[in-house]
PDB file of N, CA and C in Angstrom:
ATOM      1  N   LEU A   1      13.718   8.945  -5.774  1.00  0.00           N
ATOM      2  CA  LEU A   1      14.469   9.718  -4.810  1.00  0.00           C
ATOM      3  C   LEU A   1      15.752   8.956  -4.509  1.00  0.00           C
ATOM      4  N   LEU A   2      16.851   9.594  -4.683  1.00  0.00           N
ATOM      5  CA  LEU A   2      18.163   9.009  -4.411  1.00  0.00           C
ATOM      6  C   LEU A   2      18.573   9.427  -3.009  1.00  0.00           C
ATOM      7  N   CYS A   3      18.850   8.456  -2.130  1.00  0.00           N
ATOM      8  CA  CYS A   3      19.211   8.744  -0.734  1.00  0.00           C
ATOM      9  C   CYS A   3      20.559   8.122  -0.413  1.00  0.00           C
ATOM     10  N   GLY A   4      21.353   8.832   0.358  1.00  0.00           N
ATOM     11  CA  GLY A   4      22.650   8.321   0.778  1.00  0.00           C
ATOM     12  C   GLY A   4      22.524   7.399   1.975  1.00  0.00           C
ATOM     13  N   LEU A   5      23.376   6.367   2.023  1.00  0.00           N
ATOM     14  CA  LEU A   5      23.385   5.464   3.164  1.00  0.00           C
ATOM     15  C   LEU A   5      24.384   5.922   4.222  1.00  0.00           C
ATOM     16  N   SER A   6      25.603   6.224   3.800  1.00  0.00           N
ATOM     17  CA  SER A   6      26.627   6.636   4.765  1.00  0.00           C
ATOM     18  C   SER A   6      26.702   8.150   4.910  1.00  0.00           C
ATOM     19  N   VAL A   7      26.200   8.876   3.940  1.00  0.00           N
ATOM     20  CA  VAL A   7      26.151  10.339   3.982  1.00  0.00           C
ATOM     21  C   VAL A   7      24.690  10.741   3.787  1.00  0.00           C
ATOM     22  N   GLY A   8      24.205  11.628   4.632  1.00  0.00           N
ATOM     23  CA  GLY A   8      22.799  12.005   4.563  1.00  0.00           C
ATOM     24  C   GLY A   8      22.495  12.985   3.444  1.00  0.00           C
ATOM     25  N   PHE A   9      21.903  12.501   2.372  1.00  0.00           N
ATOM     26  CA  PHE A   9      21.436  13.377   1.298  1.00  0.00           C
ATOM     27  C   PHE A   9      20.227  12.746   0.627  1.00  0.00           C
ATOM     28  N   LYS A  10      19.404  13.571   0.041  1.00  0.00           N
ATOM     29  CA  LYS A  10      18.252  13.121  -0.738  1.00  0.00           C
ATOM     30  C   LYS A  10      18.175  13.979  -1.984  1.00  0.00           C
ATOM     31  N   ILE A  11      18.153  13.315  -3.150  1.00  0.00           N
ATOM     32  CA  ILE A  11      18.101  14.014  -4.426  1.00  0.00           C
ATOM     33  C   ILE A  11      16.970  13.418  -5.268  1.00  0.00           C
ATOM     34  N   PRO A  12      15.973  14.215  -5.624  1.00  0.00           N
ATOM     35  CA  PRO A  12      14.949  13.696  -6.533  1.00  0.00           C
ATOM     36  C   PRO A  12      15.560  13.483  -7.922  1.00  0.00           C
ATOM     37  N   VAL A  13      15.314  12.323  -8.499  1.00  0.00           N
ATOM     38  CA  VAL A  13      15.867  12.030  -9.825  1.00  0.00           C
ATOM     39  C   VAL A  13      14.793  11.964 -10.904  1.00  0.00           C
ATOM     40  N   GLY A  14      13.546  12.016 -10.504  1.00  0.00           N
ATOM     41  CA  GLY A  14      12.492  11.991 -11.502  1.00  0.00           C
ATOM     42  C   GLY A  14      11.130  11.907 -10.850  1.00  0.00           C
ATOM     43  N   TYR A  15      10.125  12.209 -11.632  1.00  0.00           N
ATOM     44  CA  TYR A  15       8.752  12.106 -11.153  1.00  0.00           C
ATOM     45  C   TYR A  15       7.901  11.593 -12.305  1.00  0.00           C
ATOM     46  N   LEU A  16       7.181  10.517 -12.062  1.00  0.00           N
ATOM     47  CA  LEU A  16       6.326   9.927 -13.089  1.00  0.00           C
ATOM     48  C   LEU A  16       4.891   9.876 -12.597  1.00  0.00           C
ATOM     49  N   PHE A  17       3.978  10.113 -13.489  1.00  0.00           N
ATOM     50  CA  PHE A  17       2.571   9.896 -13.192  1.00  0.00           C
ATOM     51  C   PHE A  17       2.294   8.434 -13.492  1.00  0.00           C
ATOM     52  N   THR A  18       2.376   7.599 -12.476  1.00  0.00           N
ATOM     53  CA  THR A  18       2.317   6.154 -12.690  1.00  0.00           C
ATOM     54  C   THR A  18       0.948   5.664 -13.125  1.00  0.00           C
ATOM     55  N   GLN A  19      -0.078   6.467 -12.969  1.00  0.00           N
ATOM     56  CA  GLN A  19      -1.406   6.042 -13.400  1.00  0.00           C
ATOM     57  C   GLN A  19      -1.437   5.851 -14.922  1.00  0.00           C
ATOM     58  N   ALA A  20      -0.642   6.630 -15.642  1.00  0.00           N
ATOM     59  CA  ALA A  20      -0.586   6.521 -17.102  1.00  0.00           C
ATOM     60  C   ALA A  20       0.648   5.747 -17.554  1.00  0.00           C
ATOM     61  N   CYS A  21       1.320   5.086 -16.626  1.00  0.00           N
ATOM     62  CA  CYS A  21       2.583   4.406 -16.920  1.00  0.00           C
ATOM     63  C   CYS A  21       2.398   2.898 -16.730  1.00  0.00           C
ATOM     64  N   SER A  22       2.889   2.123 -17.682  1.00  0.00           N
ATOM     65  CA  SER A  22       2.810   0.668 -17.539  1.00  0.00           C
ATOM     66  C   SER A  22       3.987   0.183 -16.697  1.00  0.00           C
ATOM     67  N   SER A  23       3.882  -1.035 -16.205  1.00  0.00           N
ATOM     68  CA  SER A  23       4.969  -1.582 -15.391  1.00  0.00           C
ATOM     69  C   SER A  23       6.240  -1.757 -16.218  1.00  0.00           C
ATOM     70  N   GLY A  24       6.094  -2.078 -17.500  1.00  0.00           N
ATOM     71  CA  GLY A  24       7.262  -2.198 -18.374  1.00  0.00           C
ATOM     72  C   GLY A  24       7.974  -0.873 -18.556  1.00  0.00           C
ATOM     73  N   GLN A  25       7.188   0.194 -18.754  1.00  0.00           N
ATOM     74  CA  GLN A  25       7.784   1.529 -18.885  1.00  0.00           C
ATOM     75  C   GLN A  25       8.488   1.931 -17.595  1.00  0.00           C
ATOM     76  N   LEU A  26       7.854   1.681 -16.463  1.00  0.00           N
ATOM     77  CA  LEU A  26       8.436   2.034 -15.170  1.00  0.00           C
ATOM     78  C   LEU A  26       9.731   1.262 -14.926  1.00  0.00           C
ATOM     79  N   ALA A  27       9.750  -0.022 -15.265  1.00  0.00           N
ATOM     80  CA  ALA A  27      10.962  -0.831 -15.099  1.00  0.00           C
ATOM     81  C   ALA A  27      12.097  -0.278 -15.956  1.00  0.00           C
ATOM     82  N   ARG A  28      11.787   0.136 -17.189  1.00  0.00           N
ATOM     83  CA  ARG A  28      12.824   0.710 -18.062  1.00  0.00           C
ATOM     84  C   ARG A  28      13.362   2.023 -17.498  1.00  0.00           C
ATOM     85  N   VAL A  29      12.478   2.859 -16.954  1.00  0.00           N
ATOM     86  CA  VAL A  29      12.904   4.135 -16.362  1.00  0.00           C
ATOM     87  C   VAL A  29      13.796   3.879 -15.150  1.00  0.00           C
ATOM     88  N   VAL A  30      13.401   2.946 -14.287  1.00  0.00           N
ATOM     89  CA  VAL A  30      14.202   2.628 -13.099  1.00  0.00           C
ATOM     90  C   VAL A  30      15.578   2.115 -13.511  1.00  0.00           C
ATOM     91  N   LEU A  31      15.627   1.228 -14.485  1.00  0.00           N
ATOM     92  CA  LEU A  31      16.907   0.705 -14.962  1.00  0.00           C
ATOM     93  C   LEU A  31      17.768   1.819 -15.546  1.00  0.00           C
ATOM     94  N   HIS A  32      17.159   2.730 -16.299  1.00  0.00           N
ATOM     95  CA  HIS A  32      17.886   3.868 -16.872  1.00  0.00           C
ATOM     96  C   HIS A  32      18.471   4.742 -15.759  1.00  0.00           C
ATOM     97  N   ILE A  33      17.681   5.013 -14.733  1.00  0.00           N
ATOM     98  CA  ILE A  33      18.157   5.840 -13.619  1.00  0.00           C
ATOM     99  C   ILE A  33      19.306   5.144 -12.894  1.00  0.00           C
ATOM    100  N   ILE A  34      19.170   3.842 -12.647  1.00  0.00           N
ATOM    101  CA  ILE A  34      20.251   3.106 -11.972  1.00  0.00           C
ATOM    102  C   ILE A  34      21.532   3.188 -12.794  1.00  0.00           C
ATOM    103  N   ARG A  35      21.425   3.000 -14.109  1.00  0.00           N
ATOM    104  CA  ARG A  35      22.619   3.089 -14.973  1.00  0.00           C
ATOM    105  C   ARG A  35      23.268   4.467 -14.892  1.00  0.00           C
ATOM    106  N   LYS A  36      22.463   5.521 -14.981  1.00  0.00           N
ATOM    107  CA  LYS A  36      22.999   6.890 -14.948  1.00  0.00           C
ATOM    108  C   LYS A  36      23.646   7.203 -13.600  1.00  0.00           C
ATOM    109  N   VAL A  37      23.016   6.779 -12.517  1.00  0.00           N
ATOM    110  CA  VAL A  37      23.578   7.017 -11.182  1.00  0.00           C
ATOM    111  C   VAL A  37      24.909   6.285 -11.037  1.00  0.00           C
ATOM    112  N   GLU A  38      24.970   5.051 -11.525  1.00  0.00           N
ATOM    113  CA  GLU A  38      26.219   4.283 -11.471  1.00  0.00           C
ATOM    114  C   GLU A  38      27.301   4.940 -12.329  1.00  0.00           C
ATOM    115  N   GLU A  39      26.922   5.491 -13.487  1.00  0.00           N
ATOM    116  CA  GLU A  39      27.888   6.191 -14.346  1.00  0.00           C
ATOM    117  C   GLU A  39      28.489   7.404 -13.641  1.00  0.00           C
ATOM    118  N   LEU A  40      27.729   8.017 -12.734  1.00  0.00           N
ATOM    119  CA  LEU A  40      28.220   9.171 -11.981  1.00  0.00           C
ATOM    120  C   LEU A  40      29.188   8.769 -10.870  1.00  0.00           C
ATOM    121  N   GLY A  41      29.321   7.478 -10.635  1.00  0.00           N
ATOM    122  CA  GLY A  41      30.256   7.006  -9.620  1.00  0.00           C
ATOM    123  C   GLY A  41      29.617   6.606  -8.302  1.00  0.00           C
ATOM    124  N   LEU A  42      28.304   6.725  -8.205  1.00  0.00           N
ATOM    125  CA  LEU A  42      27.613   6.281  -6.996  1.00  0.00           C
ATOM    126  C   LEU A  42      27.206   4.822  -7.164  1.00  0.00           C
ATOM    127  N   GLU A  43      27.116   4.097  -6.066  1.00  0.00           N
ATOM    128  CA  GLU A  43      26.698   2.703  -6.115  1.00  0.00           C
ATOM    129  C   GLU A  43      25.266   2.577  -5.618  1.00  0.00           C
ATOM    130  N   VAL A  44      24.423   2.011  -6.443  1.00  0.00           N
ATOM    131  CA  VAL A  44      23.043   1.743  -6.042  1.00  0.00           C
ATOM    132  C   VAL A  44      23.053   0.394  -5.332  1.00  0.00           C
ATOM    133  N   VAL A  45      22.650   0.405  -4.064  1.00  0.00           N
ATOM    134  CA  VAL A  45      22.702  -0.791  -3.228  1.00  0.00           C
ATOM    135  C   VAL A  45      21.310  -1.370  -2.999  1.00  0.00           C
ATOM    136  N   ARG A  46      20.316  -0.485  -2.918  1.00  0.00           N
ATOM    137  CA  ARG A  46      18.973  -0.928  -2.560  1.00  0.00           C
ATOM    138  C   ARG A  46      17.932  -0.182  -3.383  1.00  0.00           C
ATOM    139  N   LEU A  47      16.906  -0.890  -3.758  1.00  0.00           N
ATOM    140  CA  LEU A  47      15.783  -0.327  -4.499  1.00  0.00           C
ATOM    141  C   LEU A  47      14.534  -0.512  -3.638  1.00  0.00           C
ATOM    142  N   VAL A  48      13.897   0.596  -3.268  1.00  0.00           N
ATOM    143  CA  VAL A  48      12.728   0.559  -2.386  1.00  0.00           C
ATOM    144  C   VAL A  48      11.538   1.158  -3.126  1.00  0.00           C
ATOM    145  N   SER A  49      10.385   0.539  -2.948  1.00  0.00           N
ATOM    146  CA  SER A  49       9.170   1.008  -3.612  1.00  0.00           C
ATOM    147  C   SER A  49       7.982   0.846  -2.676  1.00  0.00           C
ATOM    148  N   ASP A  50       6.918   1.598  -2.947  1.00  0.00           N
ATOM    149  CA  ASP A  50       5.683   1.310  -2.224  1.00  0.00           C
ATOM    150  C   ASP A  50       5.007   0.141  -2.942  1.00  0.00           C
ATOM    151  N   SER A  51       3.908  -0.318  -2.406  1.00  0.00           N
ATOM    152  CA  SER A  51       3.306  -1.541  -2.941  1.00  0.00           C
ATOM    153  C   SER A  51       2.135  -1.291  -3.885  1.00  0.00           C
ATOM    154  N   ARG A  52       2.187  -0.176  -4.627  1.00  0.00           N
ATOM    155  CA  ARG A  52       1.179   0.041  -5.677  1.00  0.00           C
ATOM    156  C   ARG A  52       1.328  -1.035  -6.736  1.00  0.00           C
ATOM    157  N   LYS A  53       0.233  -1.400  -7.356  1.00  0.00           N
ATOM    158  CA  LYS A  53       0.231  -2.516  -8.306  1.00  0.00           C
ATOM    159  C   LYS A  53       1.275  -2.350  -9.413  1.00  0.00           C
ATOM    160  N   VAL A  54       1.369  -1.144  -9.999  1.00  0.00           N
ATOM    161  CA  VAL A  54       2.324  -0.924 -11.086  1.00  0.00           C
ATOM    162  C   VAL A  54       3.765  -1.054 -10.575  1.00  0.00           C
ATOM    163  N   ASN A  55       4.019  -0.624  -9.331  1.00  0.00           N
ATOM    164  CA  ASN A  55       5.362  -0.735  -8.762  1.00  0.00           C
ATOM    165  C   ASN A  55       5.724  -2.187  -8.471  1.00  0.00           C
ATOM    166  N   VAL A  56       4.772  -2.954  -7.952  1.00  0.00           N
ATOM    167  CA  VAL A  56       5.007  -4.373  -7.686  1.00  0.00           C
ATOM    168  C   VAL A  56       5.303  -5.099  -8.996  1.00  0.00           C
ATOM    169  N   SER A  57       4.541  -4.792 -10.039  1.00  0.00           N
ATOM    170  CA  SER A  57       4.763  -5.416 -11.350  1.00  0.00           C
ATOM    171  C   SER A  57       6.118  -5.027 -11.930  1.00  0.00           C
ATOM    172  N   ALA A  58       6.490  -3.748 -11.792  1.00  0.00           N
ATOM    173  CA  ALA A  58       7.792  -3.292 -12.295  1.00  0.00           C
ATOM    174  C   ALA A  58       8.928  -3.977 -11.547  1.00  0.00           C
ATOM    175  N   MET A  59       8.783  -4.133 -10.223  1.00  0.00           N
ATOM    176  CA  MET A  59       9.810  -4.837  -9.438  1.00  0.00           C
ATOM    177  C   MET A  59       9.909  -6.290  -9.900  1.00  0.00           C
ATOM    178  N   GLY A  60       8.760  -6.890 -10.215  1.00  0.00           N
ATOM    179  CA  GLY A  60       8.766  -8.262 -10.721  1.00  0.00           C
ATOM    180  C   GLY A  60       9.526  -8.373 -12.031  1.00  0.00           C
ATOM    181  N   ILE A  61       9.364  -7.378 -12.903  1.00  0.00           N
ATOM    182  CA  ILE A  61      10.098  -7.361 -14.176  1.00  0.00           C
ATOM    183  C   ILE A  61      11.592  -7.218 -13.914  1.00  0.00           C
ATOM    184  N   LEU A  62      11.963  -6.276 -13.049  1.00  0.00           N
ATOM    185  CA  LEU A  62      13.378  -6.045 -12.750  1.00  0.00           C
ATOM    186  C   LEU A  62      14.021  -7.248 -12.072  1.00  0.00           C
ATOM    187  N   CYS A  63      13.241  -7.982 -11.277  1.00  0.00           N
ATOM    188  CA  CYS A  63      13.765  -9.151 -10.562  1.00  0.00           C
ATOM    189  C   CYS A  63      13.582 -10.432 -11.371  1.00  0.00           C
ATOM    190  N   SER A  64      13.132 -10.308 -12.601  1.00  0.00           N
ATOM    191  CA  SER A  64      12.850 -11.456 -13.474  1.00  0.00           C
ATOM    192  C   SER A  64      11.882 -12.430 -12.811  1.00  0.00           C
ATOM    193  N   GLY A  65      10.950 -11.888 -12.042  1.00  0.00           N
ATOM    194  CA  GLY A  65       9.944 -12.715 -11.391  1.00  0.00           C
ATOM    195  C   GLY A  65      10.453 -13.535 -10.224  1.00  0.00           C
ATOM    196  N   ALA A  66      11.693 -13.298  -9.787  1.00  0.00           N
ATOM    197  CA  ALA A  66      12.296 -14.112  -8.733  1.00  0.00           C
ATOM    198  C   ALA A  66      11.587 -13.950  -7.394  1.00  0.00           C
ATOM    199  N   GLY A  67      11.030 -12.779  -7.116  1.00  0.00           N
ATOM    200  CA  GLY A  67      10.359 -12.544  -5.846  1.00  0.00           C
ATOM    201  C   GLY A  67      11.301 -12.612  -4.661  1.00  0.00           C
ATOM    202  N   SER A  68      12.549 -12.311  -4.878  1.00  0.00           N
ATOM    203  CA  SER A  68      13.570 -12.380  -3.834  1.00  0.00           C
ATOM    204  C   SER A  68      13.914 -10.988  -3.332  1.00  0.00           C
ATOM    205  N   TYR A  69      14.442 -10.906  -2.121  1.00  0.00           N
ATOM    206  CA  TYR A  69      14.864  -9.615  -1.572  1.00  0.00           C
ATOM    207  C   TYR A  69      16.248  -9.210  -2.064  1.00  0.00           C
ATOM    208  N   CYS A  70      16.960 -10.126  -2.708  1.00  0.00           N
ATOM    209  CA  CYS A  70      18.318  -9.859  -3.173  1.00  0.00           C
ATOM    210  C   CYS A  70      18.495 -10.490  -4.553  1.00  0.00           C
ATOM    211  N   ILE A  71      18.899  -9.676  -5.518  1.00  0.00           N
ATOM    212  CA  ILE A  71      19.078 -10.156  -6.887  1.00  0.00           C
ATOM    213  C   ILE A  71      20.447  -9.718  -7.389  1.00  0.00           C
ATOM    214  N   PRO A  72      20.940 -10.323  -8.478  1.00  0.00           N
ATOM    215  CA  PRO A  72      22.167  -9.791  -9.079  1.00  0.00           C
ATOM    216  C   PRO A  72      21.926  -8.346  -9.514  1.00  0.00           C
ATOM    217  N   HIS A  73      22.907  -7.503  -9.298  1.00  0.00           N
ATOM    218  CA  HIS A  73      22.770  -6.078  -9.627  1.00  0.00           C
ATOM    219  C   HIS A  73      22.429  -5.928 -11.102  1.00  0.00           C
ATOM    220  N   LEU A  74      21.574  -4.980 -11.414  1.00  0.00           N
ATOM    221  CA  LEU A  74      21.100  -4.796 -12.786  1.00  0.00           C
ATOM    222  C   LEU A  74      22.161  -4.211 -13.708  1.00  0.00           C
ATOM    223  N   VAL A  75      23.187  -3.569 -13.142  1.00  0.00           N
ATOM    224  CA  VAL A  75      24.244  -2.953 -13.945  1.00  0.00           C
ATOM    225  C   VAL A  75      25.544  -3.741 -13.832  1.00  0.00           C
ATOM    226  N   ASN A  76      25.873  -4.208 -12.628  1.00  0.00           N
ATOM    227  CA  ASN A  76      27.108  -4.942 -12.376  1.00  0.00           C
ATOM    228  C   ASN A  76      26.745  -6.244 -11.668  1.00  0.00           C
ATOM    229  N   THR A  77      26.732  -7.349 -12.399  1.00  0.00           N
ATOM    230  CA  THR A  77      26.277  -8.623 -11.842  1.00  0.00           C
ATOM    231  C   THR A  77      27.232  -9.197 -10.797  1.00  0.00           C
ATOM    232  N   GLN A  78      28.390  -8.586 -10.611  1.00  0.00           N
ATOM    233  CA  GLN A  78      29.316  -9.017  -9.561  1.00  0.00           C
ATOM    234  C   GLN A  78      28.829  -8.562  -8.183  1.00  0.00           C
ATOM    235  N   ARG A  79      27.897  -7.627  -8.159  1.00  0.00           N
ATOM    236  CA  ARG A  79      27.351  -7.100  -6.905  1.00  0.00           C
ATOM    237  C   ARG A  79      25.902  -7.544  -6.743  1.00  0.00           C
ATOM    238  N   LYS A  80      25.385  -7.355  -5.535  1.00  0.00           N
ATOM    239  CA  LYS A  80      23.983  -7.668  -5.255  1.00  0.00           C
ATOM    240  C   LYS A  80      23.182  -6.376  -5.172  1.00  0.00           C
ATOM    241  N   LEU A  81      21.918  -6.463  -5.548  1.00  0.00           N
ATOM    242  CA  LEU A  81      20.985  -5.352  -5.405  1.00  0.00           C
ATOM    243  C   LEU A  81      19.853  -5.839  -4.504  1.00  0.00           C
ATOM    244  N   PHE A  82      19.633  -5.123  -3.420  1.00  0.00           N
ATOM    245  CA  PHE A  82      18.584  -5.484  -2.479  1.00  0.00           C
ATOM    246  C   PHE A  82      17.310  -4.741  -2.864  1.00  0.00           C
ATOM    247  N   VAL A  83      16.204  -5.456  -2.894  1.00  0.00           N
ATOM    248  CA  VAL A  83      14.923  -4.854  -3.258  1.00  0.00           C
ATOM    249  C   VAL A  83      13.950  -5.032  -2.093  1.00  0.00           C
ATOM    250  N   ALA A  84      13.142  -4.011  -1.854  1.00  0.00           N
ATOM    251  CA  ALA A  84      12.207  -4.065  -0.728  1.00  0.00           C
ATOM    252  C   ALA A  84      11.022  -3.149  -0.992  1.00  0.00           C
ATOM    253  N   PHE A  85       9.954  -3.441  -0.305  1.00  0.00           N
ATOM    254  CA  PHE A  85       8.802  -2.551  -0.309  1.00  0.00           C
ATOM    255  C   PHE A  85       8.841  -1.748   0.981  1.00  0.00           C
ATOM    256  N   ASP A  86       8.527  -0.488   0.889  1.00  0.00           N
ATOM    257  CA  ASP A  86       8.594   0.429   2.022  1.00  0.00           C
ATOM    258  C   ASP A  86       7.652  -0.031   3.136  1.00  0.00           C
ATOM    259  N   GLN A  87       8.224  -0.242   4.324  1.00  0.00           N
ATOM    260  CA  GLN A  87       7.458  -0.775   5.448  1.00  0.00           C
ATOM    261  C   GLN A  87       6.307   0.135   5.857  1.00  0.00           C
ATOM    262  N   SER A  88       6.514   1.433   5.827  1.00  0.00           N
ATOM    263  CA  SER A  88       5.439   2.339   6.253  1.00  0.00           C
ATOM    264  C   SER A  88       4.232   2.233   5.323  1.00  0.00           C
ATOM    265  N   HIS A  89       4.475   2.024   4.030  1.00  0.00           N
ATOM    266  CA  HIS A  89       3.361   1.857   3.095  1.00  0.00           C
ATOM    267  C   HIS A  89       2.656   0.517   3.324  1.00  0.00           C
ATOM    268  N   ILE A  90       3.424  -0.512   3.662  1.00  0.00           N
ATOM    269  CA  ILE A  90       2.821  -1.823   3.921  1.00  0.00           C
ATOM    270  C   ILE A  90       1.901  -1.739   5.133  1.00  0.00           C
ATOM    271  N   ILE A  91       2.366  -1.086   6.199  1.00  0.00           N
ATOM    272  CA  ILE A  91       1.544  -0.931   7.406  1.00  0.00           C
ATOM    273  C   ILE A  91       0.278  -0.139   7.089  1.00  0.00           C
ATOM    274  N   LYS A  92       0.419   0.932   6.290  1.00  0.00           N
ATOM    275  CA  LYS A  92      -0.744   1.726   5.888  1.00  0.00           C
ATOM    276  C   LYS A  92      -1.750   0.883   5.102  1.00  0.00           C
ATOM    277  N   ASN A  93      -1.242   0.047   4.198  1.00  0.00           N
ATOM    278  CA  ASN A  93      -2.127  -0.795   3.394  1.00  0.00           C
ATOM    279  C   ASN A  93      -2.861  -1.816   4.258  1.00  0.00           C
ATOM    280  N   VAL A  94      -2.159  -2.417   5.215  1.00  0.00           N
ATOM    281  CA  VAL A  94      -2.798  -3.388   6.111  1.00  0.00           C
ATOM    282  C   VAL A  94      -3.887  -2.694   6.924  1.00  0.00           C
ATOM    283  N   ARG A  95      -3.580  -1.509   7.455  1.00  0.00           N
ATOM    284  CA  ARG A  95      -4.568  -0.740   8.221  1.00  0.00           C
ATOM    285  C   ARG A  95      -5.793  -0.437   7.356  1.00  0.00           C
ATOM    286  N   SER A  96      -5.547  -0.015   6.124  1.00  0.00           N
ATOM    287  CA  SER A  96      -6.657   0.313   5.216  1.00  0.00           C
ATOM    288  C   SER A  96      -7.519  -0.910   4.932  1.00  0.00           C
ATOM    289  N   GLN A  97      -6.882  -2.080   4.807  1.00  0.00           N
ATOM    290  CA  GLN A  97      -7.640  -3.314   4.572  1.00  0.00           C
ATOM    291  C   GLN A  97      -8.532  -3.642   5.764  1.00  0.00           C
ATOM    292  N   PHE A  98      -7.995  -3.477   6.978  1.00  0.00           N
ATOM    293  CA  PHE A  98      -8.800  -3.721   8.174  1.00  0.00           C
ATOM    294  C   PHE A  98      -9.968  -2.749   8.256  1.00  0.00           C
ATOM    295  N   LEU A  99      -9.721  -1.485   7.962  1.00  0.00           N
ATOM    296  CA  LEU A  99     -10.786  -0.481   8.018  1.00  0.00           C
ATOM    297  C   LEU A  99     -11.847  -0.734   6.949  1.00  0.00           C
ATOM    298  N   ALA A 100     -11.427  -1.230   5.799  1.00  0.00           N
ATOM    299  CA  ALA A 100     -12.365  -1.480   4.700  1.00  0.00           C
ATOM    300  C   ALA A 100     -13.305  -2.644   5.014  1.00  0.00           C
ATOM    301  N   THR A 101     -12.856  -3.587   5.848  1.00  0.00           N
ATOM    302  CA  THR A 101     -13.692  -4.754   6.156  1.00  0.00           C
ATOM    303  C   THR A 101     -14.628  -4.514   7.330  1.00  0.00           C
ATOM    304  N   GLN A 102     -14.482  -3.388   8.015  1.00  0.00           N
ATOM    305  CA  GLN A 102     -15.361  -3.106   9.169  1.00  0.00           C
ATOM    306  C   GLN A 102     -16.638  -2.433   8.735  1.00  0.00           C
TER     307      GLN A 102
END
């Protein structure tokens, strides 16, 4: 989902069934989408994902295992790309872990 920061818009750019998708495939798709969006003249500033295992692994591939919140941009290394996991999903996962242990 492509979302505007200064202008409010949301545009779906793709849908993948991640259960049948490897982290390498997902990382390649994300990189392809970032390149295409940048070619259209938009700047990708932040990459947000939920914390599903395949998404975490794909983020690790894209970040070269750095585990940092800020990496050199994947298309233009003169800029920074901020990466994050969606807070609402993290809270949901923590809640689910607490409920599972009771």
